[in-house]
Amino acid sequence: MKNLFFVALALVVLSTCKSKVCECADIHIKAVKEINGVSDPVQKMKVLSSKKYQGPFEKCNKMTEGMTPDELKVFEEEYKQCPSVKEYKGK
């Protein structure tokens, strides 16, 4: 019963911050696209370590850091529903 409460709470929290989840998805997809456009492994690392991705990646990591496995599942489901992810997967 306690787990059900936390899952419901996570759903409420994530539904109110859907934009935050999709912001994470958007920056992740943007980085993946940029990495896929580069063949040199060193350049790929430079893309990932660039400041334009580091700040957003840190925010996303902090958002998911303290989540329980059930909360992470909810996060992942929300992530999959983001327009940028659906668009990328559709290719």
C-alpha atoms as a PDB file:
ATOM      1  CA  MET A   1       0.000   0.000   0.000  1.00  0.00           C
ATOM      2  CA  LYS A   2       2.874   2.311   0.855  1.00  0.00           C
ATOM      3  CA  ASN A   3       4.482   1.684  -2.565  1.00  0.00           C
ATOM      4  CA  LEU A   4       1.206   2.451  -4.310  1.00  0.00           C
ATOM      5  CA  PHE A   5       1.057   5.766  -2.485  1.00  0.00           C
ATOM      6  CA  PHE A   6       4.588   6.661  -3.591  1.00  0.00           C
ATOM      7  CA  VAL A   7       3.886   5.672  -7.192  1.00  0.00           C
ATOM      8  CA  ALA A   8       0.740   7.812  -7.162  1.00  0.00           C
ATOM      9  CA  LEU A   9       2.717  10.663  -5.628  1.00  0.00           C
ATOM     10  CA  ALA A  10       5.402  10.272  -8.273  1.00  0.00           C
ATOM     11  CA  LEU A  11       2.777  10.392 -10.997  1.00  0.00           C
ATOM     12  CA  VAL A  12       1.404  13.615  -9.584  1.00  0.00           C
ATOM     13  CA  VAL A  13       4.840  15.150  -9.199  1.00  0.00           C
ATOM     14  CA  LEU A  14       5.966  14.116 -12.659  1.00  0.00           C
ATOM     15  CA  SER A  15       2.752  15.191 -14.289  1.00  0.00           C
ATOM     16  CA  THR A  16       3.167  18.656 -12.800  1.00  0.00           C
ATOM     17  CA  CYS A  17       6.763  18.862 -13.973  1.00  0.00           C
ATOM     18  CA  LYS A  18       6.277  17.168 -17.306  1.00  0.00           C
ATOM     19  CA  SER A  19       8.116  20.021 -18.906  1.00  0.00           C
ATOM     20  CA  LYS A  20      11.193  19.246 -16.791  1.00  0.00           C
ATOM     21  CA  VAL A  21      11.179  15.613 -17.930  1.00  0.00           C
ATOM     22  CA  CYS A  22      10.770  16.695 -21.541  1.00  0.00           C
ATOM     23  CA  GLU A  23      13.517  19.285 -21.107  1.00  0.00           C
ATOM     24  CA  CYS A  24      15.814  16.414 -20.144  1.00  0.00           C
ATOM     25  CA  ALA A  25      14.604  14.414 -23.113  1.00  0.00           C
ATOM     26  CA  ASP A  26      15.120  17.347 -25.463  1.00  0.00           C
ATOM     27  CA  ILE A  27      18.724  17.968 -24.414  1.00  0.00           C
ATOM     28  CA  HIS A  28      19.495  14.240 -24.460  1.00  0.00           C
ATOM     29  CA  ILE A  29      18.123  13.840 -27.989  1.00  0.00           C
ATOM     30  CA  LYS A  30      19.973  16.968 -29.133  1.00  0.00           C
ATOM     31  CA  ALA A  31      23.265  15.550 -27.794  1.00  0.00           C
ATOM     32  CA  VAL A  32      22.612  12.128 -29.369  1.00  0.00           C
ATOM     33  CA  LYS A  33      21.942  13.734 -32.741  1.00  0.00           C
ATOM     34  CA  GLU A  34      25.111  15.796 -32.491  1.00  0.00           C
ATOM     35  CA  ILE A  35      27.180  12.764 -31.477  1.00  0.00           C
ATOM     36  CA  ASN A  36      25.728  10.702 -34.318  1.00  0.00           C
ATOM     37  CA  GLY A  37      26.885  13.394 -36.744  1.00  0.00           C
ATOM     38  CA  VAL A  38      30.513  12.962 -35.683  1.00  0.00           C
ATOM     39  CA  SER A  39      32.656   9.953 -36.509  1.00  0.00           C
ATOM     40  CA  ASP A  40      35.791  10.787 -34.511  1.00  0.00           C
ATOM     41  CA  PRO A  41      35.618   9.370 -30.937  1.00  0.00           C
ATOM     42  CA  VAL A  42      37.558  12.339 -29.553  1.00  0.00           C
ATOM     43  CA  GLN A  43      35.057  14.744 -31.100  1.00  0.00           C
ATOM     44  CA  LYS A  44      32.201  12.707 -29.605  1.00  0.00           C
ATOM     45  CA  MET A  45      33.743  13.158 -26.156  1.00  0.00           C
ATOM     46  CA  LYS A  46      34.151  16.881 -26.786  1.00  0.00           C
ATOM     47  CA  VAL A  47      30.467  17.125 -27.656  1.00  0.00           C
ATOM     48  CA  LEU A  48      29.478  15.402 -24.409  1.00  0.00           C
ATOM     49  CA  SER A  49      31.820  17.488 -22.309  1.00  0.00           C
ATOM     50  CA  SER A  50      30.751  20.807 -23.805  1.00  0.00           C
ATOM     51  CA  LYS A  51      29.227  23.335 -21.431  1.00  0.00           C
ATOM     52  CA  LYS A  52      25.981  23.479 -23.400  1.00  0.00           C
ATOM     53  CA  TYR A  53      25.247  19.896 -22.319  1.00  0.00           C
ATOM     54  CA  GLN A  54      26.950  19.646 -18.933  1.00  0.00           C
ATOM     55  CA  GLY A  55      24.624  22.027 -17.077  1.00  0.00           C
ATOM     56  CA  PRO A  56      21.405  20.448 -18.333  1.00  0.00           C
ATOM     57  CA  PHE A  57      22.769  16.918 -17.833  1.00  0.00           C
ATOM     58  CA  GLU A  58      23.621  17.764 -14.208  1.00  0.00           C
ATOM     59  CA  LYS A  59      20.105  19.122 -13.606  1.00  0.00           C
ATOM     60  CA  CYS A  60      18.546  15.981 -15.052  1.00  0.00           C
ATOM     61  CA  ASN A  61      20.813  13.749 -12.996  1.00  0.00           C
ATOM     62  CA  LYS A  62      19.946  15.648  -9.811  1.00  0.00           C
ATOM     63  CA  MET A  63      16.252  15.342 -10.603  1.00  0.00           C
ATOM     64  CA  THR A  64      16.488  11.544 -10.840  1.00  0.00           C
ATOM     65  CA  GLU A  65      19.143  10.975  -8.145  1.00  0.00           C
ATOM     66  CA  GLY A  66      16.873  10.311  -5.197  1.00  0.00           C
ATOM     67  CA  MET A  67      14.113   8.509  -7.056  1.00  0.00           C
ATOM     68  CA  THR A  68      13.000   5.045  -6.078  1.00  0.00           C
ATOM     69  CA  PRO A  69      12.879   2.323  -8.741  1.00  0.00           C
ATOM     70  CA  ASP A  70       9.125   2.870  -9.047  1.00  0.00           C
ATOM     71  CA  GLU A  71       9.588   6.615  -9.464  1.00  0.00           C
ATOM     72  CA  LEU A  72      12.264   6.011 -12.102  1.00  0.00           C
ATOM     73  CA  LYS A  73       9.851   3.787 -14.030  1.00  0.00           C
ATOM     74  CA  VAL A  74       7.305   6.601 -14.000  1.00  0.00           C
ATOM     75  CA  PHE A  75      10.008   9.036 -15.114  1.00  0.00           C
ATOM     76  CA  GLU A  76      11.004   6.718 -17.973  1.00  0.00           C
ATOM     77  CA  GLU A  77       7.404   6.365 -19.118  1.00  0.00           C
ATOM     78  CA  GLU A  78       6.993  10.132 -19.096  1.00  0.00           C
ATOM     79  CA  TYR A  79      10.309  10.507 -20.943  1.00  0.00           C
ATOM     80  CA  LYS A  80       9.132   8.146 -23.685  1.00  0.00           C
ATOM     81  CA  GLN A  81       6.048  10.314 -24.222  1.00  0.00           C
ATOM     82  CA  CYS A  82       8.011  13.503 -24.865  1.00  0.00           C
ATOM     83  CA  PRO A  83       7.666  14.813 -28.421  1.00  0.00           C
ATOM     84  CA  SER A  84      11.433  14.889 -29.064  1.00  0.00           C
ATOM     85  CA  VAL A  85      11.803  11.241 -28.061  1.00  0.00           C
ATOM     86  CA  LYS A  86       8.822  10.144 -30.157  1.00  0.00           C
ATOM     87  CA  GLU A  87      10.201  12.061 -33.130  1.00  0.00           C
ATOM     88  CA  TYR A  88      13.679  10.544 -32.737  1.00  0.00           C
ATOM     89  CA  LYS A  89      12.341   7.007 -32.300  1.00  0.00           C
ATOM     90  CA  GLY A  90      10.175   7.455 -35.383  1.00  0.00           C
ATOM     91  CA  LYS A  91      13.211   7.839 -37.604  1.00  0.00           C
END
